Amino acid sequence: MLLVRGHGGGTALTGTIFEPGEDPPSYKGAPDENAPFVWVCDEFYEVDSGGTEMTINDESIRIAFESPMPRGFETREQAKKMAKEHIRTQFARIGVPTSSVRVETLSPDARPES
């Protein structure tokens, strides 16, 4: 299992890459991903009303969450590349420039990777 965490706008977002032999979570409506590597992470976007209040770059905004959508990949490198893109995209959706997002990959057994 790898955790991919992005930092930006004064907050963080973490998703998980499940590796061969690990079972990604299953829930109602989740697609059946039989790929060796499965990426699961929240998706969200800014809304004018409703949602959840969050502070980004010292400004209060409201965000709404979408159901996480597992995505399958054949290789670890493909999964890591897409995970990093996904993290940056989520921050961009709430107004944080992708260039200011720092992404790290964490393994429960090792130190963070860049």
C-alpha atoms as a PDB file:
ATOM      1  CA  MET A   1       0.000   0.000   0.000  1.00  0.00           C
ATOM      2  CA  LEU A   2       1.187   3.451  -0.901  1.00  0.00           C
ATOM      3  CA  LEU A   3      -0.269   6.703   0.351  1.00  0.00           C
ATOM      4  CA  VAL A   4      -0.067   9.671  -2.012  1.00  0.00           C
ATOM      5  CA  ARG A   5      -0.473  12.987  -0.199  1.00  0.00           C
ATOM      6  CA  GLY A   6      -0.673  16.467  -1.626  1.00  0.00           C
ATOM      7  CA  HIS A   7      -0.125  19.674   0.331  1.00  0.00           C
ATOM      8  CA  GLY A   8      -1.362  23.051  -0.844  1.00  0.00           C
ATOM      9  CA  GLY A   9      -3.387  26.049   0.223  1.00  0.00           C
ATOM     10  CA  GLY A  10      -2.850  25.220   3.885  1.00  0.00           C
ATOM     11  CA  THR A  11      -4.419  21.756   3.737  1.00  0.00           C
ATOM     12  CA  ALA A  12      -3.660  18.220   2.541  1.00  0.00           C
ATOM     13  CA  LEU A  13      -5.350  15.431   0.584  1.00  0.00           C
ATOM     14  CA  THR A  14      -4.344  11.774   0.786  1.00  0.00           C
ATOM     15  CA  GLY A  15      -5.323   8.851  -1.426  1.00  0.00           C
ATOM     16  CA  THR A  16      -4.260   5.203  -1.460  1.00  0.00           C
ATOM     17  CA  ILE A  17      -2.679   2.945  -4.074  1.00  0.00           C
ATOM     18  CA  PHE A  18      -3.480  -0.680  -3.309  1.00  0.00           C
ATOM     19  CA  GLU A  19      -0.841  -3.077  -4.616  1.00  0.00           C
ATOM     20  CA  PRO A  20      -1.020  -6.715  -5.782  1.00  0.00           C
ATOM     21  CA  GLY A  21      -2.284  -8.961  -2.999  1.00  0.00           C
ATOM     22  CA  GLU A  22      -4.098  -6.125  -1.194  1.00  0.00           C
ATOM     23  CA  ASP A  23      -7.840  -5.720  -1.406  1.00  0.00           C
ATOM     24  CA  PRO A  24      -9.060  -2.210  -2.185  1.00  0.00           C
ATOM     25  CA  PRO A  25     -12.195  -1.189  -0.300  1.00  0.00           C
ATOM     26  CA  SER A  26     -15.486  -2.130  -1.833  1.00  0.00           C
ATOM     27  CA  TYR A  27     -18.666  -0.146  -1.414  1.00  0.00           C
ATOM     28  CA  LYS A  28     -22.000   0.213  -3.122  1.00  0.00           C
ATOM     29  CA  GLY A  29     -21.523   1.599  -6.614  1.00  0.00           C
ATOM     30  CA  ALA A  30     -17.758   1.006  -6.761  1.00  0.00           C
ATOM     31  CA  PRO A  31     -16.558  -0.459 -10.046  1.00  0.00           C
ATOM     32  CA  ASP A  32     -14.884  -3.860  -9.963  1.00  0.00           C
ATOM     33  CA  GLU A  33     -11.203  -3.069 -10.448  1.00  0.00           C
ATOM     34  CA  ASN A  34      -9.223  -6.227 -11.127  1.00  0.00           C
ATOM     35  CA  ALA A  35      -6.004  -4.413 -12.021  1.00  0.00           C
ATOM     36  CA  PRO A  36      -2.835  -5.116 -10.026  1.00  0.00           C
ATOM     37  CA  PHE A  37      -2.698  -1.500  -8.755  1.00  0.00           C
ATOM     38  CA  VAL A  38      -5.822   0.392  -7.681  1.00  0.00           C
ATOM     39  CA  TRP A  39      -5.928   4.119  -6.845  1.00  0.00           C
ATOM     40  CA  VAL A  40      -8.697   5.408  -4.534  1.00  0.00           C
ATOM     41  CA  CYS A  41      -9.042   9.052  -3.483  1.00  0.00           C
ATOM     42  CA  ASP A  42     -11.704  11.649  -2.757  1.00  0.00           C
ATOM     43  CA  GLU A  43     -12.812  14.054  -5.434  1.00  0.00           C
ATOM     44  CA  PHE A  44     -14.185  17.493  -4.593  1.00  0.00           C
ATOM     45  CA  TYR A  45     -14.975  20.885  -6.072  1.00  0.00           C
ATOM     46  CA  GLU A  46     -15.899  24.376  -4.894  1.00  0.00           C
ATOM     47  CA  VAL A  47     -19.602  25.259  -4.539  1.00  0.00           C
ATOM     48  CA  ASP A  48     -21.419  28.529  -3.836  1.00  0.00           C
ATOM     49  CA  SER A  49     -23.696  27.071  -1.149  1.00  0.00           C
ATOM     50  CA  GLY A  50     -24.070  23.831   0.778  1.00  0.00           C
ATOM     51  CA  GLY A  51     -21.098  21.528   0.984  1.00  0.00           C
ATOM     52  CA  THR A  52     -18.470  21.768   3.697  1.00  0.00           C
ATOM     53  CA  GLU A  53     -16.648  24.914   4.769  1.00  0.00           C
ATOM     54  CA  MET A  54     -12.884  24.771   4.346  1.00  0.00           C
ATOM     55  CA  THR A  55     -10.080  27.308   4.664  1.00  0.00           C
ATOM     56  CA  ILE A  56      -7.771  27.497   1.657  1.00  0.00           C
ATOM     57  CA  ASN A  57      -4.983  30.076   1.569  1.00  0.00           C
ATOM     58  CA  ASP A  58      -6.614  31.862   4.541  1.00  0.00           C
ATOM     59  CA  GLU A  59      -9.920  32.174   2.657  1.00  0.00           C
ATOM     60  CA  SER A  60     -13.122  30.363   3.602  1.00  0.00           C
ATOM     61  CA  ILE A  61     -14.695  28.405   0.729  1.00  0.00           C
ATOM     62  CA  ARG A  62     -17.342  25.675   0.474  1.00  0.00           C
ATOM     63  CA  ILE A  63     -16.579  22.331  -1.137  1.00  0.00           C
ATOM     64  CA  ALA A  64     -18.680  19.356  -2.136  1.00  0.00           C
ATOM     65  CA  PHE A  65     -17.347  15.806  -2.268  1.00  0.00           C
ATOM     66  CA  GLU A  66     -17.980  13.210  -4.962  1.00  0.00           C
ATOM     67  CA  SER A  67     -17.830   9.475  -4.310  1.00  0.00           C
ATOM     68  CA  PRO A  68     -14.299   8.131  -4.714  1.00  0.00           C
ATOM     69  CA  MET A  69     -13.885   6.306  -8.010  1.00  0.00           C
ATOM     70  CA  PRO A  70     -11.307   3.492  -7.941  1.00  0.00           C
ATOM     71  CA  ARG A  71      -9.024   3.418 -10.962  1.00  0.00           C
ATOM     72  CA  GLY A  72      -6.944   0.412 -11.991  1.00  0.00           C
ATOM     73  CA  PHE A  73      -3.440   0.351 -13.458  1.00  0.00           C
ATOM     74  CA  GLU A  74      -1.079  -2.324 -14.708  1.00  0.00           C
ATOM     75  CA  THR A  75       2.107  -0.888 -13.170  1.00  0.00           C
ATOM     76  CA  ARG A  76       3.105   0.905  -9.998  1.00  0.00           C
ATOM     77  CA  GLU A  77       4.607   3.790 -11.975  1.00  0.00           C
ATOM     78  CA  GLN A  78       1.358   4.318 -13.926  1.00  0.00           C
ATOM     79  CA  ALA A  79      -0.602   4.354 -10.672  1.00  0.00           C
ATOM     80  CA  LYS A  80       1.801   6.822  -9.020  1.00  0.00           C
ATOM     81  CA  LYS A  81       1.757   9.157 -12.036  1.00  0.00           C
ATOM     82  CA  MET A  82      -2.051   9.212 -12.173  1.00  0.00           C
ATOM     83  CA  ALA A  83      -2.321   9.591  -8.384  1.00  0.00           C
ATOM     84  CA  LYS A  84      -0.093  12.682  -8.464  1.00  0.00           C
ATOM     85  CA  GLU A  85      -2.105  14.146 -11.363  1.00  0.00           C
ATOM     86  CA  HIS A  86      -5.355  13.423  -9.506  1.00  0.00           C
ATOM     87  CA  ILE A  87      -4.115  15.184  -6.358  1.00  0.00           C
ATOM     88  CA  ARG A  88      -3.027  18.266  -8.319  1.00  0.00           C
ATOM     89  CA  THR A  89      -6.358  18.337 -10.190  1.00  0.00           C
ATOM     90  CA  GLN A  90      -8.357  18.273  -6.959  1.00  0.00           C
ATOM     91  CA  PHE A  91      -6.422  21.247  -5.606  1.00  0.00           C
ATOM     92  CA  ALA A  92      -6.868  23.121  -8.903  1.00  0.00           C
ATOM     93  CA  ARG A  93     -10.643  22.555  -8.635  1.00  0.00           C
ATOM     94  CA  ILE A  94     -10.639  24.628  -5.428  1.00  0.00           C
ATOM     95  CA  GLY A  95      -8.361  27.378  -6.701  1.00  0.00           C
ATOM     96  CA  VAL A  96      -4.925  26.192  -5.577  1.00  0.00           C
ATOM     97  CA  PRO A  97      -2.382  26.515  -8.416  1.00  0.00           C
ATOM     98  CA  THR A  98      -0.940  23.127  -9.341  1.00  0.00           C
ATOM     99  CA  SER A  99       2.548  24.629  -9.272  1.00  0.00           C
ATOM    100  CA  SER A 100       2.184  25.281  -5.534  1.00  0.00           C
ATOM    101  CA  VAL A 101       1.032  21.739  -4.658  1.00  0.00           C
ATOM    102  CA  ARG A 102       3.673  19.485  -3.110  1.00  0.00           C
ATOM    103  CA  VAL A 103       3.010  15.760  -3.569  1.00  0.00           C
ATOM    104  CA  GLU A 104       4.692  12.955  -1.656  1.00  0.00           C
ATOM    105  CA  THR A 105       4.366   9.186  -1.754  1.00  0.00           C
ATOM    106  CA  LEU A 106       4.459   7.441   1.602  1.00  0.00           C
ATOM    107  CA  SER A 107       4.934   3.761   2.233  1.00  0.00           C
ATOM    108  CA  PRO A 108       3.912   2.459   5.653  1.00  0.00           C
ATOM    109  CA  ASP A 109       7.267   0.601   5.725  1.00  0.00           C
ATOM    110  CA  ALA A 110       9.585   3.330   4.454  1.00  0.00           C
ATOM    111  CA  ARG A 111      10.320   7.049   4.309  1.00  0.00           C
ATOM    112  CA  PRO A 112       8.381   9.424   2.048  1.00  0.00           C
ATOM    113  CA  GLU A 113       9.247   9.399  -1.666  1.00  0.00           C
ATOM    114  CA  SER A 114       8.981  12.503  -3.866  1.00  0.00           C
END
